[in-house]
Amino acid sequence: MAHAILPPDDSSLQWSQVGGGITENPSLTLEQIYKRFVERYEEPSAQETRSDDEVWRKFKRTLEIRHVLKFLRPKKIFVQDDEVEFHYAWKNEQWHCLEPVSFDLAAPESITDKAHRWLGQITSIKGSKDPFKVYFLLGEPQHEKLKPAFENALSILKKMPVENELVREGEASEFSEHFAQEIEHHQPEPQTSK
């Protein structure tokens, strides 16, 4: 009957020959067969990860306390054949581009792939007429087994051929304080009337 519904062809779903066997523990044998033919092909359960926006929220709080957000605006850094848009940038002698990047991902390969993507994007725009510095605001992986991949990602990002700073989440408050001082130092003095 099964062959009448799904006749043999070259598809991936095939009926096997009917088999049989003897076991002393049918429930244990059924569990072993299930693990062998079903569980090993299931997708691993999704780990909880964080997005770039979630990482930004942590840094945003510390920047907000220091009244920095009002100075930030979007900026496209471009060259003739490419561009990268940063949503949070401030300018004095050069553009200071803040980019939240979550490395709190599910797999080590995803972490290093993301670092390679950013290295490629920044390398592509290094010849821009607008001088710029990139601050990567980093969300670290929560799972210990992903820490080595995160360290590799940091090593990859350090190869960027432009001025850059890698800021970990634990450094958010210190970074915000320093960034606020930088902005304050470069703001024009208020004019007084005579």
N, C-alpha and C. Protein backbone atom coordinates (compact mmCIF):
# COMPACT_ATOMS: atom_id res chain seq x y z
N MET A 1 0.83 -1.19 0.00
CA MET A 1 0.00 0.00 0.00
C MET A 1 0.88 1.26 0.00
N ALA A 2 1.96 1.26 0.79
CA ALA A 2 2.86 2.42 0.85
C ALA A 2 3.47 2.68 -0.51
N HIS A 3 3.83 1.61 -1.24
CA HIS A 3 4.42 1.78 -2.57
C HIS A 3 3.41 2.32 -3.57
N ALA A 4 2.12 2.05 -3.34
CA ALA A 4 1.09 2.59 -4.23
C ALA A 4 0.96 4.10 -4.04
N ILE A 5 1.12 4.58 -2.80
CA ILE A 5 1.02 6.01 -2.51
C ILE A 5 2.29 6.73 -2.95
N LEU A 6 3.45 6.14 -2.65
CA LEU A 6 4.72 6.75 -3.00
C LEU A 6 5.58 5.71 -3.71
N PRO A 7 5.43 5.62 -5.03
CA PRO A 7 6.19 4.60 -5.76
C PRO A 7 7.69 4.92 -5.75
N PRO A 8 8.55 3.90 -5.91
CA PRO A 8 9.99 4.14 -5.92
C PRO A 8 10.38 5.07 -7.07
N ASP A 9 11.19 6.07 -6.75
CA ASP A 9 11.75 6.98 -7.77
C ASP A 9 13.09 7.49 -7.24
N ASP A 10 13.61 8.57 -7.82
CA ASP A 10 14.92 9.04 -7.40
C ASP A 10 14.85 10.14 -6.33
N SER A 11 13.71 10.28 -5.66
CA SER A 11 13.58 11.30 -4.61
C SER A 11 14.31 10.85 -3.35
N SER A 12 14.42 11.76 -2.40
CA SER A 12 15.14 11.44 -1.16
C SER A 12 14.32 10.60 -0.20
N LEU A 13 13.01 10.57 -0.37
CA LEU A 13 12.16 9.75 0.49
C LEU A 13 11.96 8.38 -0.15
N GLN A 14 12.47 7.37 0.51
CA GLN A 14 12.41 6.01 -0.03
C GLN A 14 11.88 5.05 1.05
N TRP A 15 11.13 4.06 0.62
CA TRP A 15 10.69 3.01 1.53
C TRP A 15 11.78 1.95 1.61
N SER A 16 12.09 1.52 2.82
CA SER A 16 13.08 0.45 2.98
C SER A 16 12.36 -0.89 2.99
N GLN A 17 13.14 -1.94 2.94
CA GLN A 17 12.57 -3.27 3.03
C GLN A 17 12.06 -3.48 4.46
N VAL A 18 11.01 -4.23 4.59
CA VAL A 18 10.47 -4.52 5.91
C VAL A 18 11.47 -5.40 6.64
N GLY A 19 11.72 -5.02 7.90
CA GLY A 19 12.68 -5.80 8.68
C GLY A 19 12.06 -6.21 9.99
N GLY A 20 12.77 -6.96 10.75
CA GLY A 20 12.28 -7.42 12.04
C GLY A 20 13.44 -7.75 12.95
N GLY A 21 13.13 -8.06 14.16
CA GLY A 21 14.17 -8.42 15.10
C GLY A 21 13.58 -8.82 16.42
N ILE A 22 14.45 -9.20 17.33
CA ILE A 22 14.02 -9.63 18.65
C ILE A 22 14.74 -8.76 19.67
N THR A 23 14.01 -8.35 20.68
CA THR A 23 14.61 -7.55 21.75
C THR A 23 14.02 -7.96 23.08
N GLU A 24 14.80 -7.80 24.12
CA GLU A 24 14.31 -8.08 25.46
C GLU A 24 13.63 -6.86 26.06
N ASN A 25 13.94 -5.66 25.51
CA ASN A 25 13.39 -4.42 26.07
C ASN A 25 12.87 -3.56 24.91
N PRO A 26 11.62 -3.77 24.50
CA PRO A 26 11.08 -3.05 23.34
C PRO A 26 11.11 -1.52 23.50
N SER A 27 10.82 -1.00 24.69
CA SER A 27 10.79 0.46 24.84
C SER A 27 12.20 1.05 24.70
N LEU A 28 13.21 0.37 25.25
CA LEU A 28 14.59 0.84 25.11
C LEU A 28 15.04 0.76 23.65
N THR A 29 14.71 -0.32 22.98
CA THR A 29 15.08 -0.48 21.58
C THR A 29 14.39 0.58 20.72
N LEU A 30 13.11 0.85 21.00
CA LEU A 30 12.40 1.89 20.26
C LEU A 30 13.05 3.26 20.47
N GLU A 31 13.47 3.53 21.70
CA GLU A 31 14.14 4.80 22.00
C GLU A 31 15.46 4.90 21.24
N GLN A 32 16.23 3.81 21.19
CA GLN A 32 17.51 3.80 20.46
C GLN A 32 17.28 4.02 18.96
N ILE A 33 16.27 3.36 18.43
CA ILE A 33 15.96 3.52 17.00
C ILE A 33 15.54 4.96 16.71
N TYR A 34 14.73 5.51 17.60
CA TYR A 34 14.28 6.91 17.43
C TYR A 34 15.49 7.86 17.42
N LYS A 35 16.40 7.68 18.37
CA LYS A 35 17.60 8.53 18.41
C LYS A 35 18.42 8.37 17.14
N ARG A 36 18.56 7.14 16.69
CA ARG A 36 19.40 6.86 15.52
C ARG A 36 18.82 7.44 14.23
N PHE A 37 17.50 7.32 14.05
CA PHE A 37 16.91 7.71 12.78
C PHE A 37 16.18 9.05 12.78
N VAL A 38 15.92 9.62 13.96
CA VAL A 38 15.17 10.88 14.02
C VAL A 38 15.97 11.98 14.72
N GLU A 39 16.31 11.76 15.99
CA GLU A 39 16.94 12.82 16.78
C GLU A 39 18.23 13.35 16.18
N ARG A 40 19.03 12.49 15.64
CA ARG A 40 20.32 12.95 15.12
C ARG A 40 20.18 13.88 13.93
N TYR A 41 19.00 13.90 13.30
CA TYR A 41 18.78 14.77 12.15
C TYR A 41 17.99 16.04 12.50
N GLU A 42 17.57 16.14 13.75
CA GLU A 42 16.82 17.32 14.15
C GLU A 42 17.77 18.51 14.28
N GLU A 43 17.24 19.69 14.03
CA GLU A 43 18.01 20.92 14.22
C GLU A 43 18.29 21.08 15.72
N PRO A 44 19.49 21.55 16.08
CA PRO A 44 19.73 21.79 17.50
C PRO A 44 18.80 22.89 18.00
N SER A 45 18.45 22.81 19.25
CA SER A 45 17.52 23.81 19.79
C SER A 45 18.15 25.18 19.69
N ALA A 46 17.34 26.15 19.33
CA ALA A 46 17.83 27.51 19.13
C ALA A 46 18.27 28.11 20.47
N GLN A 47 19.48 28.62 20.48
CA GLN A 47 19.95 29.30 21.67
C GLN A 47 19.45 30.73 21.64
N GLU A 48 19.29 31.29 22.80
CA GLU A 48 18.86 32.68 22.87
C GLU A 48 20.03 33.57 22.46
N THR A 49 19.79 34.44 21.52
CA THR A 49 20.83 35.35 21.06
C THR A 49 20.32 36.77 21.18
N ARG A 50 21.24 37.74 21.00
CA ARG A 50 20.84 39.14 21.06
C ARG A 50 21.15 39.82 19.74
N SER A 51 20.32 40.76 19.36
CA SER A 51 20.51 41.51 18.13
C SER A 51 21.42 42.71 18.36
N ASP A 52 21.84 43.33 17.27
CA ASP A 52 22.63 44.56 17.37
C ASP A 52 21.84 45.64 18.11
N ASP A 53 20.53 45.70 17.86
CA ASP A 53 19.69 46.70 18.53
C ASP A 53 19.66 46.49 20.05
N GLU A 54 19.66 45.24 20.48
CA GLU A 54 19.67 44.97 21.91
C GLU A 54 21.00 45.40 22.55
N VAL A 55 22.08 45.21 21.82
CA VAL A 55 23.39 45.67 22.32
C VAL A 55 23.39 47.19 22.37
N TRP A 56 22.82 47.84 21.34
CA TRP A 56 22.77 49.30 21.32
C TRP A 56 22.03 49.84 22.55
N ARG A 57 20.95 49.18 22.96
CA ARG A 57 20.17 49.66 24.10
C ARG A 57 21.02 49.78 25.37
N LYS A 58 21.94 48.85 25.55
CA LYS A 58 22.80 48.91 26.74
C LYS A 58 23.72 50.13 26.66
N PHE A 59 24.33 50.36 25.51
CA PHE A 59 25.22 51.50 25.35
C PHE A 59 24.42 52.81 25.34
N LYS A 60 23.24 52.76 24.77
CA LYS A 60 22.41 53.96 24.67
C LYS A 60 22.09 54.53 26.05
N ARG A 61 21.80 53.66 27.01
CA ARG A 61 21.49 54.12 28.37
C ARG A 61 22.63 54.94 28.95
N THR A 62 23.87 54.45 28.78
CA THR A 62 25.00 55.17 29.37
C THR A 62 25.29 56.46 28.60
N LEU A 63 25.06 56.46 27.30
CA LEU A 63 25.25 57.68 26.51
C LEU A 63 24.17 58.71 26.84
N GLU A 64 22.97 58.22 27.09
CA GLU A 64 21.84 59.09 27.41
C GLU A 64 22.08 59.84 28.72
N ILE A 65 22.60 59.15 29.70
CA ILE A 65 22.89 59.75 31.01
C ILE A 65 23.84 60.94 30.85
N ARG A 66 24.75 60.82 29.89
CA ARG A 66 25.76 61.87 29.69
C ARG A 66 25.36 62.86 28.59
N HIS A 67 24.10 62.82 28.18
CA HIS A 67 23.53 63.77 27.20
C HIS A 67 24.28 63.78 25.87
N VAL A 68 24.67 62.61 25.41
CA VAL A 68 25.43 62.48 24.17
C VAL A 68 24.53 62.25 22.96
N LEU A 69 23.38 61.62 23.16
CA LEU A 69 22.54 61.20 22.04
C LEU A 69 22.15 62.34 21.11
N LYS A 70 21.95 63.53 21.64
CA LYS A 70 21.51 64.65 20.81
C LYS A 70 22.58 65.07 19.79
N PHE A 71 23.82 64.63 19.99
CA PHE A 71 24.90 64.98 19.06
C PHE A 71 25.08 63.93 17.96
N LEU A 72 24.44 62.79 18.10
CA LEU A 72 24.62 61.69 17.15
C LEU A 72 23.60 61.76 16.03
N ARG A 73 24.05 61.44 14.82
CA ARG A 73 23.16 61.40 13.67
C ARG A 73 23.66 60.36 12.67
N PRO A 74 22.83 59.95 11.73
CA PRO A 74 23.29 58.98 10.73
C PRO A 74 24.33 59.60 9.80
N LYS A 75 25.25 58.76 9.33
CA LYS A 75 26.27 59.22 8.39
C LYS A 75 26.64 58.07 7.47
N LYS A 76 26.65 58.36 6.16
CA LYS A 76 27.14 57.39 5.18
C LYS A 76 28.59 57.73 4.87
N ILE A 77 29.44 56.75 5.03
CA ILE A 77 30.84 56.88 4.61
C ILE A 77 30.92 56.13 3.28
N PHE A 78 31.41 56.80 2.26
CA PHE A 78 31.36 56.17 0.95
C PHE A 78 32.64 56.38 0.16
N VAL A 79 32.82 55.51 -0.80
CA VAL A 79 33.84 55.62 -1.83
C VAL A 79 33.08 55.49 -3.14
N GLN A 80 33.77 55.54 -4.24
CA GLN A 80 33.10 55.55 -5.54
C GLN A 80 32.15 54.37 -5.74
N ASP A 81 32.55 53.19 -5.29
CA ASP A 81 31.76 52.00 -5.59
C ASP A 81 31.14 51.32 -4.37
N ASP A 82 31.19 51.97 -3.22
CA ASP A 82 30.64 51.32 -2.02
C ASP A 82 30.32 52.36 -0.96
N GLU A 83 29.50 51.96 0.00
CA GLU A 83 29.16 52.84 1.11
C GLU A 83 28.72 52.01 2.31
N VAL A 84 28.90 52.58 3.49
CA VAL A 84 28.42 51.98 4.72
C VAL A 84 27.72 53.08 5.49
N GLU A 85 26.49 52.79 5.94
CA GLU A 85 25.77 53.78 6.73
C GLU A 85 25.88 53.42 8.20
N PHE A 86 26.29 54.41 8.98
CA PHE A 86 26.34 54.30 10.43
C PHE A 86 25.18 55.12 10.98
N HIS A 87 24.41 54.56 11.87
CA HIS A 87 23.23 55.25 12.40
C HIS A 87 23.59 56.25 13.49
N TYR A 88 24.78 56.10 14.07
CA TYR A 88 25.16 56.96 15.19
C TYR A 88 26.56 57.51 14.94
N ALA A 89 26.64 58.78 14.56
CA ALA A 89 27.94 59.38 14.26
C ALA A 89 27.98 60.82 14.73
N TRP A 90 29.18 61.29 15.02
CA TRP A 90 29.41 62.67 15.46
C TRP A 90 30.69 63.15 14.79
N LYS A 91 30.75 64.44 14.45
CA LYS A 91 31.90 64.95 13.71
C LYS A 91 32.58 66.09 14.44
N ASN A 92 33.91 65.99 14.52
CA ASN A 92 34.76 67.13 14.84
C ASN A 92 35.75 67.21 13.67
N GLU A 93 37.05 66.93 13.88
CA GLU A 93 37.96 66.91 12.73
C GLU A 93 37.71 65.70 11.83
N GLN A 94 37.12 64.68 12.38
CA GLN A 94 36.78 63.47 11.62
C GLN A 94 35.43 62.95 12.12
N TRP A 95 34.87 62.01 11.38
CA TRP A 95 33.63 61.38 11.80
C TRP A 95 33.95 60.30 12.82
N HIS A 96 33.18 60.29 13.90
CA HIS A 96 33.27 59.25 14.93
C HIS A 96 32.00 58.41 14.79
N CYS A 97 32.15 57.20 14.26
CA CYS A 97 31.01 56.35 13.92
C CYS A 97 30.87 55.22 14.94
N LEU A 98 29.73 55.21 15.63
CA LEU A 98 29.46 54.17 16.62
C LEU A 98 28.62 53.08 15.97
N GLU A 99 29.07 51.85 16.12
CA GLU A 99 28.35 50.73 15.50
C GLU A 99 28.17 49.61 16.52
N PRO A 100 26.92 49.40 17.00
CA PRO A 100 26.68 48.25 17.89
C PRO A 100 26.73 46.95 17.10
N VAL A 101 27.46 45.97 17.62
CA VAL A 101 27.60 44.69 16.93
C VAL A 101 27.44 43.57 17.96
N SER A 102 26.41 42.76 17.77
CA SER A 102 26.20 41.64 18.68
C SER A 102 26.96 40.42 18.18
N PHE A 103 27.82 39.90 19.06
CA PHE A 103 28.46 38.62 18.79
C PHE A 103 27.86 37.55 19.70
N ASP A 104 26.70 37.86 20.28
CA ASP A 104 25.97 36.89 21.09
C ASP A 104 25.10 36.08 20.14
N LEU A 105 25.75 35.20 19.39
CA LEU A 105 25.09 34.43 18.34
C LEU A 105 25.07 32.95 18.73
N ALA A 106 24.47 32.14 17.89
CA ALA A 106 24.25 30.74 18.24
C ALA A 106 25.43 29.83 17.95
N ALA A 107 26.28 30.18 16.98
CA ALA A 107 27.35 29.27 16.58
C ALA A 107 28.66 30.02 16.40
N PRO A 108 29.78 29.35 16.67
CA PRO A 108 31.09 30.00 16.51
C PRO A 108 31.31 30.53 15.09
N GLU A 109 30.85 29.77 14.09
CA GLU A 109 31.05 30.20 12.70
C GLU A 109 30.31 31.51 12.41
N SER A 110 29.16 31.69 13.02
CA SER A 110 28.39 32.92 12.83
C SER A 110 29.15 34.12 13.37
N ILE A 111 29.85 33.91 14.48
CA ILE A 111 30.60 34.99 15.11
C ILE A 111 31.76 35.42 14.21
N THR A 112 32.55 34.46 13.75
CA THR A 112 33.69 34.83 12.91
C THR A 112 33.23 35.34 11.54
N ASP A 113 32.15 34.79 11.02
CA ASP A 113 31.61 35.29 9.74
C ASP A 113 31.21 36.76 9.85
N LYS A 114 30.59 37.13 10.97
CA LYS A 114 30.15 38.51 11.15
C LYS A 114 31.37 39.44 11.25
N ALA A 115 32.40 39.00 11.95
CA ALA A 115 33.63 39.80 12.04
C ALA A 115 34.26 39.97 10.66
N HIS A 116 34.29 38.91 9.87
CA HIS A 116 34.85 39.01 8.51
C HIS A 116 34.03 39.97 7.65
N ARG A 117 32.71 39.92 7.79
CA ARG A 117 31.86 40.85 7.01
C ARG A 117 32.19 42.30 7.34
N TRP A 118 32.31 42.59 8.65
CA TRP A 118 32.63 43.96 9.03
C TRP A 118 34.03 44.37 8.58
N LEU A 119 34.99 43.47 8.69
CA LEU A 119 36.34 43.77 8.22
C LEU A 119 36.30 44.11 6.72
N GLY A 120 35.55 43.33 5.96
CA GLY A 120 35.43 43.57 4.52
C GLY A 120 34.76 44.90 4.22
N GLN A 121 33.68 45.21 4.92
CA GLN A 121 32.96 46.47 4.67
C GLN A 121 33.84 47.68 4.98
N ILE A 122 34.51 47.64 6.11
CA ILE A 122 35.34 48.78 6.51
C ILE A 122 36.55 48.90 5.57
N THR A 123 37.15 47.79 5.19
CA THR A 123 38.27 47.82 4.25
C THR A 123 37.84 48.43 2.93
N SER A 124 36.62 48.13 2.50
CA SER A 124 36.11 48.64 1.23
C SER A 124 35.97 50.16 1.21
N ILE A 125 35.70 50.77 2.37
CA ILE A 125 35.49 52.23 2.39
C ILE A 125 36.67 53.00 2.97
N LYS A 126 37.79 52.33 3.18
CA LYS A 126 38.93 52.99 3.84
C LYS A 126 39.44 54.20 3.07
N GLY A 127 39.23 54.26 1.77
CA GLY A 127 39.73 55.38 0.97
C GLY A 127 38.77 56.55 0.88
N SER A 128 37.77 56.61 1.77
CA SER A 128 36.78 57.68 1.72
C SER A 128 37.43 59.05 1.90
N LYS A 129 36.84 60.06 1.25
CA LYS A 129 37.33 61.44 1.40
C LYS A 129 37.02 61.97 2.80
N ASP A 130 36.01 61.39 3.45
CA ASP A 130 35.68 61.77 4.82
C ASP A 130 36.53 60.96 5.79
N PRO A 131 37.44 61.62 6.53
CA PRO A 131 38.18 60.85 7.54
C PRO A 131 37.22 60.35 8.62
N PHE A 132 37.43 59.12 9.08
CA PHE A 132 36.52 58.56 10.08
C PHE A 132 37.22 57.57 10.98
N LYS A 133 36.62 57.41 12.15
CA LYS A 133 37.04 56.40 13.13
C LYS A 133 35.80 55.59 13.47
N VAL A 134 35.96 54.28 13.58
CA VAL A 134 34.84 53.40 13.91
C VAL A 134 35.00 52.89 15.34
N TYR A 135 33.92 53.01 16.09
CA TYR A 135 33.85 52.45 17.45
C TYR A 135 32.87 51.29 17.38
N PHE A 136 33.37 50.07 17.50
CA PHE A 136 32.49 48.91 17.55
C PHE A 136 32.08 48.68 19.00
N LEU A 137 30.78 48.80 19.26
CA LEU A 137 30.21 48.58 20.59
C LEU A 137 29.77 47.12 20.64
N LEU A 138 30.52 46.32 21.33
CA LEU A 138 30.42 44.86 21.19
C LEU A 138 29.55 44.19 22.24
N GLY A 139 28.63 43.35 21.76
CA GLY A 139 27.86 42.47 22.61
C GLY A 139 28.54 41.11 22.63
N GLU A 140 29.02 40.69 23.78
CA GLU A 140 29.76 39.44 23.89
C GLU A 140 28.81 38.25 24.00
N PRO A 141 29.25 37.07 23.58
CA PRO A 141 28.40 35.88 23.73
C PRO A 141 28.19 35.55 25.20
N GLN A 142 27.01 35.08 25.53
CA GLN A 142 26.68 34.71 26.90
C GLN A 142 27.15 33.30 27.25
N HIS A 143 27.30 32.45 26.23
CA HIS A 143 27.70 31.05 26.47
C HIS A 143 29.22 30.93 26.45
N GLU A 144 29.74 30.28 27.46
CA GLU A 144 31.19 30.14 27.64
C GLU A 144 31.85 29.47 26.43
N LYS A 145 31.17 28.49 25.83
CA LYS A 145 31.77 27.76 24.71
C LYS A 145 31.99 28.64 23.48
N LEU A 146 31.34 29.82 23.44
CA LEU A 146 31.49 30.72 22.30
C LEU A 146 32.55 31.79 22.53
N LYS A 147 33.13 31.84 23.73
CA LYS A 147 34.13 32.87 24.04
C LYS A 147 35.37 32.79 23.13
N PRO A 148 35.90 31.59 22.82
CA PRO A 148 37.06 31.54 21.92
C PRO A 148 36.74 32.13 20.53
N ALA A 149 35.54 31.89 20.03
CA ALA A 149 35.15 32.46 18.73
C ALA A 149 35.08 33.98 18.83
N PHE A 150 34.62 34.49 19.97
CA PHE A 150 34.55 35.93 20.17
C PHE A 150 35.96 36.53 20.18
N GLU A 151 36.89 35.87 20.85
CA GLU A 151 38.28 36.36 20.86
C GLU A 151 38.86 36.36 19.44
N ASN A 152 38.52 35.36 18.65
CA ASN A 152 38.96 35.33 17.25
C ASN A 152 38.34 36.50 16.48
N ALA A 153 37.08 36.80 16.77
CA ALA A 153 36.40 37.91 16.10
C ALA A 153 37.10 39.23 16.42
N LEU A 154 37.51 39.41 17.68
CA LEU A 154 38.24 40.62 18.06
C LEU A 154 39.55 40.72 17.28
N SER A 155 40.23 39.61 17.15
CA SER A 155 41.49 39.59 16.40
C SER A 155 41.26 39.96 14.94
N ILE A 156 40.17 39.49 14.37
CA ILE A 156 39.82 39.81 12.98
C ILE A 156 39.54 41.31 12.85
N LEU A 157 38.74 41.85 13.77
CA LEU A 157 38.37 43.27 13.71
C LEU A 157 39.58 44.19 13.89
N LYS A 158 40.57 43.75 14.64
CA LYS A 158 41.77 44.56 14.85
C LYS A 158 42.58 44.74 13.57
N LYS A 159 42.27 43.98 12.55
CA LYS A 159 42.96 44.09 11.25
C LYS A 159 42.39 45.21 10.39
N MET A 160 41.38 45.91 10.89
CA MET A 160 40.77 46.99 10.10
C MET A 160 41.83 48.04 9.76
N PRO A 161 41.86 48.48 8.50
CA PRO A 161 42.89 49.43 8.07
C PRO A 161 42.51 50.89 8.31
N VAL A 162 41.62 51.14 9.26
CA VAL A 162 41.24 52.51 9.62
C VAL A 162 41.32 52.63 11.14
N GLU A 163 41.30 53.86 11.63
CA GLU A 163 41.33 54.07 13.06
C GLU A 163 40.06 53.46 13.67
N ASN A 164 40.23 52.70 14.74
CA ASN A 164 39.07 52.02 15.33
C ASN A 164 39.28 51.79 16.81
N GLU A 165 38.18 51.51 17.46
CA GLU A 165 38.20 51.17 18.88
C GLU A 165 37.15 50.09 19.11
N LEU A 166 37.54 49.05 19.84
CA LEU A 166 36.62 47.96 20.16
C LEU A 166 36.21 48.11 21.62
N VAL A 167 34.92 48.30 21.85
CA VAL A 167 34.43 48.59 23.20
C VAL A 167 33.51 47.45 23.64
N ARG A 168 33.90 46.77 24.71
CA ARG A 168 33.07 45.68 25.25
C ARG A 168 31.95 46.27 26.11
N GLU A 169 30.90 45.48 26.29
CA GLU A 169 29.75 45.94 27.08
C GLU A 169 30.14 46.38 28.48
N GLY A 170 31.07 45.69 29.10
CA GLY A 170 31.50 46.04 30.45
C GLY A 170 32.20 47.39 30.52
N GLU A 171 32.59 47.91 29.37
CA GLU A 171 33.27 49.21 29.30
C GLU A 171 32.33 50.32 28.86
N ALA A 172 31.04 50.05 28.80
CA ALA A 172 30.06 51.02 28.26
C ALA A 172 30.07 52.33 29.03
N SER A 173 30.07 52.27 30.34
CA SER A 173 30.01 53.48 31.15
C SER A 173 31.27 54.31 30.98
N GLU A 174 32.42 53.66 31.05
CA GLU A 174 33.70 54.36 30.87
C GLU A 174 33.80 54.97 29.47
N PHE A 175 33.40 54.22 28.47
CA PHE A 175 33.42 54.73 27.10
C PHE A 175 32.51 55.95 26.96
N SER A 176 31.31 55.88 27.49
CA SER A 176 30.36 56.98 27.39
C SER A 176 30.90 58.24 28.05
N GLU A 177 31.53 58.07 29.19
CA GLU A 177 32.13 59.21 29.89
C GLU A 177 33.21 59.86 29.03
N HIS A 178 34.08 59.04 28.48
CA HIS A 178 35.17 59.54 27.63
C HIS A 178 34.61 60.22 26.37
N PHE A 179 33.62 59.60 25.76
CA PHE A 179 33.03 60.13 24.52
C PHE A 179 32.34 61.47 24.81
N ALA A 180 31.65 61.56 25.95
CA ALA A 180 30.99 62.80 26.33
C ALA A 180 32.02 63.92 26.54
N GLN A 181 33.14 63.60 27.17
CA GLN A 181 34.20 64.59 27.37
C GLN A 181 34.78 65.07 26.05
N GLU A 182 34.94 64.13 25.12
CA GLU A 182 35.44 64.48 23.78
C GLU A 182 34.51 65.46 23.09
N ILE A 183 33.22 65.20 23.16
CA ILE A 183 32.23 66.09 22.54
C ILE A 183 32.26 67.46 23.23
N GLU A 184 32.26 67.45 24.55
CA GLU A 184 32.26 68.71 25.30
C GLU A 184 33.50 69.54 24.97
N HIS A 185 34.62 68.88 24.83
CA HIS A 185 35.89 69.56 24.53
C HIS A 185 35.86 70.24 23.16
N HIS A 186 35.10 69.67 22.22
CA HIS A 186 35.08 70.20 20.85
C HIS A 186 33.85 71.06 20.53
N GLN A 187 33.01 71.31 21.52
CA GLN A 187 31.86 72.19 21.28
C GLN A 187 32.30 73.63 21.35
N PRO A 188 31.78 74.49 20.46
CA PRO A 188 32.15 75.91 20.50
C PRO A 188 31.67 76.55 21.80
N GLU A 189 32.45 77.48 22.29
CA GLU A 189 32.07 78.19 23.49
C GLU A 189 30.84 79.06 23.20
N PRO A 190 29.89 79.16 24.14
CA PRO A 190 28.72 80.01 23.90
C PRO A 190 29.15 81.46 23.80
N GLN A 191 28.53 82.20 22.86
CA GLN A 191 28.84 83.62 22.67
C GLN A 191 28.17 84.44 23.78
N THR A 192 28.89 85.40 24.31
CA THR A 192 28.30 86.29 25.31
C THR A 192 28.07 87.64 24.67
N SER A 193 26.98 88.25 25.00
CA SER A 193 26.67 89.56 24.42
C SER A 193 27.33 90.67 25.24
N LYS A 194 27.76 91.73 24.55
CA LYS A 194 28.42 92.85 25.22
C LYS A 194 27.51 94.03 25.34
